Amino acid sequence: MAGRSRLTEDEISQRLVAISGWSRIGQSISRTFEAPSFMAGIEFVRNVAEIAESRDHHPDIDIRYNRVTLALSTHDEGGLTGRDFD
């Protein structure tokens, strides 16, 4: 399937430059979003869940009151692929 090949270190570095606010943590990319309230954060997660389900690519999600952290990695490839950056 397209986009499932593990990226090289150079490809990861180039793609990270293009996605503001995201950082690499090990074999994942991660970003924390801050919502105006707890319920707004939950609505944000619901929207992310719909997109993730439609793409069959699901992030790890950590909710801390109004702060939501998303982490993406293609676990079955053992690291980052184009799908994580798309």
C-alpha atoms as a PDB file:
ATOM      1  CA  MET A   1       0.000   0.000   0.000  1.00  0.00           C
ATOM      2  CA  ALA A   2       1.307   3.460  -0.918  1.00  0.00           C
ATOM      3  CA  GLY A   3       2.734   5.514   1.912  1.00  0.00           C
ATOM      4  CA  ARG A   4       3.465   2.510   4.124  1.00  0.00           C
ATOM      5  CA  SER A   5       7.204   2.256   3.488  1.00  0.00           C
ATOM      6  CA  ARG A   6       9.294   3.368   6.423  1.00  0.00           C
ATOM      7  CA  LEU A   7      10.893   6.763   5.814  1.00  0.00           C
ATOM      8  CA  THR A   8      14.629   7.441   5.995  1.00  0.00           C
ATOM      9  CA  GLU A   9      16.036   9.861   8.562  1.00  0.00           C
ATOM     10  CA  ASP A  10      16.501  12.496   5.836  1.00  0.00           C
ATOM     11  CA  GLU A  11      12.906  12.102   4.640  1.00  0.00           C
ATOM     12  CA  ILE A  12      11.623  12.434   8.209  1.00  0.00           C
ATOM     13  CA  SER A  13      13.674  15.602   8.773  1.00  0.00           C
ATOM     14  CA  GLN A  14      12.404  17.155   5.525  1.00  0.00           C
ATOM     15  CA  ARG A  15       8.785  16.350   6.307  1.00  0.00           C
ATOM     16  CA  LEU A  16       9.004  17.655   9.878  1.00  0.00           C
ATOM     17  CA  VAL A  17      10.026  21.073   8.564  1.00  0.00           C
ATOM     18  CA  ALA A  18       6.765  21.212   6.596  1.00  0.00           C
ATOM     19  CA  ILE A  19       4.445  20.523   9.559  1.00  0.00           C
ATOM     20  CA  SER A  20       4.629  23.327  12.069  1.00  0.00           C
ATOM     21  CA  GLY A  21       4.156  22.448  15.723  1.00  0.00           C
ATOM     22  CA  TRP A  22       4.930  18.740  15.402  1.00  0.00           C
ATOM     23  CA  SER A  23       8.038  17.149  16.885  1.00  0.00           C
ATOM     24  CA  ARG A  24       9.657  13.774  16.714  1.00  0.00           C
ATOM     25  CA  ILE A  25       9.689  11.582  19.781  1.00  0.00           C
ATOM     26  CA  GLY A  26      11.382   8.266  19.055  1.00  0.00           C
ATOM     27  CA  GLN A  27       9.547   6.557  16.224  1.00  0.00           C
ATOM     28  CA  SER A  28       6.520   8.897  16.418  1.00  0.00           C
ATOM     29  CA  ILE A  29       5.588  12.467  15.632  1.00  0.00           C
ATOM     30  CA  SER A  30       3.653  14.323  18.290  1.00  0.00           C
ATOM     31  CA  ARG A  31       1.818  17.574  18.862  1.00  0.00           C
ATOM     32  CA  THR A  32      -0.174  19.008  21.758  1.00  0.00           C
ATOM     33  CA  PHE A  33      -3.253  21.115  21.059  1.00  0.00           C
ATOM     34  CA  GLU A  34      -4.919  23.358  23.625  1.00  0.00           C
ATOM     35  CA  ALA A  35      -8.685  23.826  23.513  1.00  0.00           C
ATOM     36  CA  PRO A  36     -10.622  26.619  25.245  1.00  0.00           C
ATOM     37  CA  SER A  37     -12.388  24.094  27.517  1.00  0.00           C
ATOM     38  CA  PHE A  38     -12.611  20.415  28.382  1.00  0.00           C
ATOM     39  CA  MET A  39     -15.690  19.909  26.190  1.00  0.00           C
ATOM     40  CA  ALA A  40     -14.025  21.702  23.262  1.00  0.00           C
ATOM     41  CA  GLY A  41     -11.075  19.324  23.654  1.00  0.00           C
ATOM     42  CA  ILE A  42     -13.424  16.336  23.578  1.00  0.00           C
ATOM     43  CA  GLU A  43     -15.090  17.682  20.429  1.00  0.00           C
ATOM     44  CA  PHE A  44     -11.643  18.088  18.860  1.00  0.00           C
ATOM     45  CA  VAL A  45     -10.876  14.444  19.693  1.00  0.00           C
ATOM     46  CA  ARG A  46     -14.198  13.359  18.169  1.00  0.00           C
ATOM     47  CA  ASN A  47     -13.315  15.181  14.939  1.00  0.00           C
ATOM     48  CA  VAL A  48      -9.839  13.629  14.888  1.00  0.00           C
ATOM     49  CA  ALA A  49     -11.380  10.190  15.486  1.00  0.00           C
ATOM     50  CA  GLU A  50     -13.683  10.564  12.469  1.00  0.00           C
ATOM     51  CA  ILE A  51     -10.795  11.536  10.200  1.00  0.00           C
ATOM     52  CA  ALA A  52      -8.581   8.749  11.582  1.00  0.00           C
ATOM     53  CA  GLU A  53     -11.287   6.150  11.083  1.00  0.00           C
ATOM     54  CA  SER A  54     -11.933   7.260   7.494  1.00  0.00           C
ATOM     55  CA  ARG A  55      -8.199   6.905   6.740  1.00  0.00           C
ATOM     56  CA  ASP A  56      -7.761   3.715   8.769  1.00  0.00           C
ATOM     57  CA  HIS A  57      -4.805   5.331  10.528  1.00  0.00           C
ATOM     58  CA  HIS A  58      -5.316   6.038  14.219  1.00  0.00           C
ATOM     59  CA  PRO A  59      -3.212   8.261  16.488  1.00  0.00           C
ATOM     60  CA  ASP A  60      -2.421   7.658  20.115  1.00  0.00           C
ATOM     61  CA  ILE A  61      -4.475  10.265  21.993  1.00  0.00           C
ATOM     62  CA  ASP A  62      -3.770  11.670  25.452  1.00  0.00           C
ATOM     63  CA  ILE A  63      -6.368  14.008  26.985  1.00  0.00           C
ATOM     64  CA  ARG A  64      -5.417  16.206  29.948  1.00  0.00           C
ATOM     65  CA  TYR A  65      -8.395  18.492  30.658  1.00  0.00           C
ATOM     66  CA  ASN A  66      -8.165  20.962  27.733  1.00  0.00           C
ATOM     67  CA  ARG A  67      -4.844  19.731  26.344  1.00  0.00           C
ATOM     68  CA  VAL A  68      -4.896  16.973  23.732  1.00  0.00           C
ATOM     69  CA  THR A  69      -1.700  15.304  22.555  1.00  0.00           C
ATOM     70  CA  LEU A  70      -1.699  13.283  19.355  1.00  0.00           C
ATOM     71  CA  ALA A  71       1.112  10.880  18.460  1.00  0.00           C
ATOM     72  CA  LEU A  72       1.392   9.163  15.091  1.00  0.00           C
ATOM     73  CA  SER A  73       3.466   6.193  14.006  1.00  0.00           C
ATOM     74  CA  THR A  74       2.891   3.334  11.598  1.00  0.00           C
ATOM     75  CA  HIS A  75       3.261   0.557  14.152  1.00  0.00           C
ATOM     76  CA  ASP A  76       3.114  -2.319  11.660  1.00  0.00           C
ATOM     77  CA  GLU A  77       6.114  -0.770   9.837  1.00  0.00           C
ATOM     78  CA  GLY A  78       8.015  -0.100  13.061  1.00  0.00           C
ATOM     79  CA  GLY A  79       8.363   3.642  12.555  1.00  0.00           C
ATOM     80  CA  LEU A  80       7.326   6.654  10.552  1.00  0.00           C
ATOM     81  CA  THR A  81       5.858   6.455   7.068  1.00  0.00           C
ATOM     82  CA  GLY A  82       4.245   8.920   4.690  1.00  0.00           C
ATOM     83  CA  ARG A  83       0.850   8.091   6.237  1.00  0.00           C
ATOM     84  CA  ASP A  84       1.929   9.704   9.510  1.00  0.00           C
ATOM     85  CA  PHE A  85       2.726  12.968   7.801  1.00  0.00           C
ATOM     86  CA  ASP A  86      -0.355  12.969   5.566  1.00  0.00           C
END
